[in-house]
Protein backbone atom coordinates (compact mmCIF):
# COMPACT_ATOMS: atom_id res chain seq x y z
CA LEU A 1 8.58 -1.06 -6.51
CA ARG A 2 6.00 -3.25 -5.15
CA ILE A 3 4.62 -2.73 -1.52
CA MET A 4 2.26 -5.60 -0.20
CA LEU A 5 -0.12 -4.63 2.82
CA LEU A 6 -1.43 -7.29 4.64
CA ILE A 7 -4.47 -6.56 6.52
CA THR A 8 -5.65 -9.59 8.27
CA GLY A 9 -2.70 -10.56 10.48
CA THR A 10 -1.32 -7.34 9.79
CA PHE A 11 1.95 -6.58 8.21
CA LEU A 12 3.11 -4.08 5.87
CA LEU A 13 5.68 -5.45 3.52
CA THR A 14 7.97 -2.60 1.94
CA TYR A 15 10.50 -2.82 -0.68
CA THR A 16 12.73 -4.00 2.10
CA THR A 17 10.58 -6.74 2.73
CA SER A 18 10.70 -5.94 6.62
CA PRO A 19 7.18 -6.54 8.07
CA ILE A 20 5.88 -3.75 10.25
CA ALA A 21 2.59 -4.23 12.24
CA LEU A 22 -0.73 -2.10 11.29
CA THR A 23 -2.37 -2.49 14.24
CA ASP A 24 -2.51 1.09 15.03
CA GLY A 25 -1.93 2.42 11.37
CA GLY A 26 0.92 4.55 10.40
CA GLU A 27 2.51 6.73 7.67
CA TYR A 28 5.18 5.58 5.60
CA THR A 29 7.53 7.32 3.19
CA ILE A 30 8.82 5.71 0.44
CA ALA A 31 11.54 7.83 -0.65
CA GLN A 32 13.67 6.68 -3.98
CA PRO A 33 16.97 7.91 -4.83
CA ASP A 34 15.87 9.45 -7.80
CA GLY A 35 13.88 11.77 -5.79
CA LYS A 36 10.54 10.37 -6.34
CA THR A 37 8.33 10.13 -3.14
CA ASN A 38 5.20 8.74 -2.07
CA VAL A 39 3.25 8.99 1.37
CA VAL A 40 1.31 5.84 2.53
CA HIS A 41 -1.41 6.28 5.29
CA THR A 42 -2.39 3.07 6.95
CA THR A 43 -5.07 1.77 9.25
CA ALA A 44 -5.72 -1.62 10.45
CA THR A 45 -8.27 -2.14 7.66
CA GLY A 46 -6.44 -0.66 4.64
CA ALA A 47 -4.41 2.18 3.09
CA VAL A 48 -4.16 5.18 1.24
CA MET A 49 -1.84 6.96 -0.82
CA HIS A 50 -1.69 10.14 1.06
CA SER A 51 0.58 12.16 -1.14
CA SER A 52 3.13 11.88 -4.03
CA THR A 53 5.51 13.75 -6.03
CA CYS A 54 3.94 12.75 -9.06
CA ASP A 55 2.48 15.32 -11.68
CA ASN A 56 -1.03 13.70 -12.24
CA GLN A 57 -1.94 12.61 -8.63
CA SER A 58 -4.17 10.04 -9.95
CA CYS A 59 -2.60 7.26 -7.05
CA VAL A 60 -3.93 10.15 -4.50
CA GLU A 61 -7.26 10.35 -6.25
CA GLN A 62 -7.74 6.31 -6.01
CA GLY A 63 -8.85 6.38 -2.34
CA GLU A 64 -8.50 3.91 0.12
CA VAL A 65 -8.19 -0.08 -0.53
CA THR A 66 -8.93 -2.26 2.26
CA LEU A 67 -9.97 -6.19 1.76
CA GLU A 68 -13.93 -4.89 2.36
CA ASN A 69 -13.59 -2.74 -0.74
CA ARG A 70 -11.11 -4.19 -3.10
CA ASP A 71 -13.55 -6.43 -5.07
CA SER A 72 -15.69 -3.12 -6.17
CA ARG A 73 -12.76 -1.23 -7.05
CA VAL A 74 -11.62 -0.46 -10.52
CA LEU A 75 -8.04 -1.53 -9.61
CA SER A 76 -9.14 -4.00 -7.04
CA ASN A 77 -6.76 -4.34 -4.25
CA MET A 78 -4.05 -2.02 -5.68
CA ILE A 79 -3.30 1.69 -5.79
CA ILE A 80 -0.93 2.42 -8.39
CA CYS A 81 1.40 5.15 -9.06
CA LEU A 82 2.65 4.82 -12.53
CA PRO A 83 4.94 7.98 -12.85
CA ASN A 84 6.59 7.04 -9.70
CA GLU A 85 6.46 2.98 -10.42
CA VAL A 86 4.97 2.44 -6.95
CA ILE A 87 2.15 -0.51 -6.61
CA LEU A 88 0.60 -0.46 -3.24
CA GLU A 89 -1.32 -4.26 -3.03
CA VAL A 90 -3.60 -5.27 -0.13
CA LEU A 91 -3.34 -8.91 0.66
CA THR A 92 -4.57 -11.39 3.15
CA PRO A 93 -1.44 -13.11 4.81
CA ALA A 94 -2.62 -16.30 2.76
CA GLU A 95 -2.66 -14.40 -0.50
CA ALA A 96 0.96 -13.17 0.33
CA GLY A 97 1.96 -16.57 1.22
CA LEU A 98 2.51 -16.18 5.03
CA GLU A 99 -0.25 -17.34 6.39
CA GLY A 100 1.02 -18.95 9.62
CA LYS A 101 4.31 -17.15 10.06
């Protein structure tokens, strides 16, 4: 499951690939059929894994990813929850191939 967070120009692309504006931020629950759940908090500049049903909570401890800090983070522009198989990726519209759309 890959979730692309587009911050400049701002959209959230979920596994349904439906864009959601991130101008005011929000909370998004990713509920999978097998009971795995992740909750993502977004702002106009970034995202953080607020909670997860995974055992190790590593994804929650990875902190916020933004366009400003992604080059200095160990996982760059991603927050990864291995047990739940969820990847959050912060991209610009150009990186996601959506520039001008």
